[in-house]
Amino acid sequence: MMHQEIQQCIDRCTKTAQMIRGITNNMVDHRARLALAEADRHIEMCIHDCLDAKEMAKS
């Protein structure tokens, strides 16, 4: 069960990161672009943490 929950979290985070990237590409305001890029980096870190947890759950 834990493996499936972690994968669902990864999938949601990936979808959210893609949405943020799409919004960022349409932004004109430099500060807004930087803030969204930072949010994207944070979500990517979360995805990597989830991938690590998924590997640990296999053990």
N, C-alpha and C. Protein backbone atom coordinates (compact mmCIF):
# COMPACT_ATOMS: atom_id res chain seq x y z
N MET A 1 0.83 -1.20 0.00
CA MET A 1 0.00 0.00 0.00
C MET A 1 0.87 1.26 0.00
N MET A 2 1.95 1.27 0.79
CA MET A 2 2.79 2.45 0.89
C MET A 2 3.39 2.80 -0.47
N HIS A 3 3.81 1.79 -1.23
CA HIS A 3 4.41 2.01 -2.54
C HIS A 3 3.44 2.76 -3.45
N GLN A 4 2.18 2.37 -3.43
CA GLN A 4 1.16 3.01 -4.27
C GLN A 4 0.91 4.45 -3.84
N GLU A 5 0.86 4.70 -2.55
CA GLU A 5 0.66 6.06 -2.04
C GLU A 5 1.81 6.97 -2.42
N ILE A 6 3.04 6.45 -2.32
CA ILE A 6 4.21 7.25 -2.69
C ILE A 6 4.16 7.56 -4.19
N GLN A 7 3.80 6.58 -5.01
CA GLN A 7 3.72 6.81 -6.45
C GLN A 7 2.65 7.84 -6.78
N GLN A 8 1.53 7.81 -6.08
CA GLN A 8 0.48 8.81 -6.30
C GLN A 8 0.99 10.20 -5.97
N CYS A 9 1.76 10.31 -4.91
CA CYS A 9 2.35 11.59 -4.52
C CYS A 9 3.31 12.08 -5.60
N ILE A 10 4.13 11.18 -6.11
CA ILE A 10 5.07 11.53 -7.18
C ILE A 10 4.30 12.01 -8.40
N ASP A 11 3.25 11.31 -8.76
CA ASP A 11 2.45 11.68 -9.93
C ASP A 11 1.81 13.05 -9.76
N ARG A 12 1.25 13.31 -8.56
CA ARG A 12 0.63 14.63 -8.31
C ARG A 12 1.68 15.74 -8.36
N CYS A 13 2.83 15.49 -7.75
CA CYS A 13 3.89 16.50 -7.75
C CYS A 13 4.40 16.77 -9.16
N THR A 14 4.56 15.72 -9.94
CA THR A 14 5.02 15.88 -11.33
C THR A 14 4.03 16.70 -12.13
N LYS A 15 2.75 16.42 -11.97
CA LYS A 15 1.71 17.17 -12.68
C LYS A 15 1.73 18.64 -12.25
N THR A 16 1.88 18.88 -10.97
CA THR A 16 1.92 20.26 -10.45
C THR A 16 3.14 20.99 -10.98
N ALA A 17 4.28 20.33 -11.00
CA ALA A 17 5.51 20.95 -11.51
C ALA A 17 5.35 21.31 -12.98
N GLN A 18 4.73 20.44 -13.75
CA GLN A 18 4.50 20.73 -15.17
C GLN A 18 3.57 21.92 -15.34
N MET A 19 2.55 22.01 -14.50
CA MET A 19 1.63 23.14 -14.54
C MET A 19 2.37 24.44 -14.24
N ILE A 20 3.22 24.41 -13.21
CA ILE A 20 3.98 25.60 -12.83
C ILE A 20 4.90 26.03 -13.97
N ARG A 21 5.56 25.06 -14.62
CA ARG A 21 6.44 25.39 -15.74
C ARG A 21 5.66 26.04 -16.87
N GLY A 22 4.48 25.55 -17.14
CA GLY A 22 3.64 26.13 -18.19
C GLY A 22 3.24 27.56 -17.87
N ILE A 23 2.88 27.80 -16.63
CA ILE A 23 2.51 29.15 -16.20
C ILE A 23 3.72 30.07 -16.27
N THR A 24 4.88 29.56 -15.84
CA THR A 24 6.11 30.35 -15.84
C THR A 24 6.46 30.81 -17.24
N ASN A 25 6.29 29.94 -18.21
CA ASN A 25 6.63 30.28 -19.60
C ASN A 25 5.77 31.43 -20.14
N ASN A 26 4.61 31.64 -19.57
CA ASN A 26 3.72 32.71 -20.03
C ASN A 26 3.82 33.99 -19.21
N MET A 27 4.67 33.97 -18.18
CA MET A 27 4.83 35.14 -17.31
C MET A 27 5.73 36.19 -17.95
N VAL A 28 5.35 37.44 -17.79
CA VAL A 28 6.17 38.54 -18.28
C VAL A 28 6.97 39.13 -17.12
N ASP A 29 6.36 39.19 -15.96
CA ASP A 29 7.00 39.77 -14.78
C ASP A 29 8.16 38.89 -14.30
N HIS A 30 9.34 39.50 -14.24
CA HIS A 30 10.56 38.77 -13.87
C HIS A 30 10.48 38.20 -12.45
N ARG A 31 9.96 38.96 -11.51
CA ARG A 31 9.85 38.48 -10.13
C ARG A 31 8.92 37.29 -10.02
N ALA A 32 7.83 37.35 -10.74
CA ALA A 32 6.88 36.24 -10.73
C ALA A 32 7.53 34.99 -11.32
N ARG A 33 8.29 35.16 -12.41
CA ARG A 33 8.99 34.03 -13.02
C ARG A 33 9.97 33.40 -12.03
N LEU A 34 10.71 34.24 -11.31
CA LEU A 34 11.66 33.73 -10.32
C LEU A 34 10.95 32.98 -9.20
N ALA A 35 9.84 33.51 -8.73
CA ALA A 35 9.09 32.86 -7.66
C ALA A 35 8.56 31.51 -8.12
N LEU A 36 8.04 31.46 -9.33
CA LEU A 36 7.52 30.20 -9.86
C LEU A 36 8.65 29.19 -10.11
N ALA A 37 9.80 29.67 -10.56
CA ALA A 37 10.94 28.78 -10.75
C ALA A 37 11.39 28.19 -9.41
N GLU A 38 11.35 29.00 -8.37
CA GLU A 38 11.70 28.51 -7.04
C GLU A 38 10.69 27.45 -6.56
N ALA A 39 9.42 27.69 -6.82
CA ALA A 39 8.39 26.72 -6.46
C ALA A 39 8.62 25.41 -7.21
N ASP A 40 8.97 25.51 -8.48
CA ASP A 40 9.25 24.32 -9.28
C ASP A 40 10.44 23.55 -8.71
N ARG A 41 11.49 24.25 -8.32
CA ARG A 41 12.65 23.59 -7.72
C ARG A 41 12.28 22.87 -6.43
N HIS A 42 11.43 23.50 -5.64
CA HIS A 42 11.00 22.89 -4.38
C HIS A 42 10.22 21.60 -4.65
N ILE A 43 9.33 21.63 -5.61
CA ILE A 43 8.54 20.44 -5.94
C ILE A 43 9.46 19.34 -6.47
N GLU A 44 10.46 19.71 -7.27
CA GLU A 44 11.41 18.71 -7.77
C GLU A 44 12.17 18.04 -6.62
N MET A 45 12.52 18.82 -5.60
CA MET A 45 13.17 18.23 -4.42
C MET A 45 12.23 17.24 -3.74
N CYS A 46 10.96 17.61 -3.65
CA CYS A 46 9.97 16.71 -3.04
C CYS A 46 9.84 15.41 -3.84
N ILE A 47 9.85 15.53 -5.16
CA ILE A 47 9.76 14.34 -6.01
C ILE A 47 10.96 13.43 -5.76
N HIS A 48 12.14 14.01 -5.68
CA HIS A 48 13.34 13.20 -5.43
C HIS A 48 13.27 12.54 -4.05
N ASP A 49 12.75 13.25 -3.07
CA ASP A 49 12.59 12.66 -1.74
C ASP A 49 11.60 11.49 -1.78
N CYS A 50 10.53 11.66 -2.54
CA CYS A 50 9.55 10.57 -2.68
C CYS A 50 10.17 9.37 -3.39
N LEU A 51 10.98 9.63 -4.40
CA LEU A 51 11.65 8.53 -5.09
C LEU A 51 12.59 7.78 -4.14
N ASP A 52 13.28 8.52 -3.29
CA ASP A 52 14.14 7.89 -2.28
C ASP A 52 13.30 7.04 -1.32
N ALA A 53 12.16 7.59 -0.88
CA ALA A 53 11.28 6.85 0.03
C ALA A 53 10.74 5.59 -0.64
N LYS A 54 10.45 5.69 -1.91
CA LYS A 54 9.95 4.54 -2.65
C LYS A 54 11.01 3.43 -2.71
N GLU A 55 12.25 3.82 -2.92
CA GLU A 55 13.35 2.84 -2.94
C GLU A 55 13.53 2.21 -1.55
N MET A 56 13.43 3.02 -0.52
CA MET A 56 13.58 2.50 0.85
C MET A 56 12.43 1.56 1.20
N ALA A 57 11.25 1.84 0.68
CA ALA A 57 10.09 1.01 0.97
C ALA A 57 10.22 -0.38 0.34
N LYS A 58 11.01 -0.46 -0.73
CA LYS A 58 11.23 -1.75 -1.37
C LYS A 58 12.03 -2.69 -0.47
N SER A 59 12.86 -2.09 0.36
CA SER A 59 13.76 -2.91 1.22
C SER A 59 13.02 -3.57 2.36
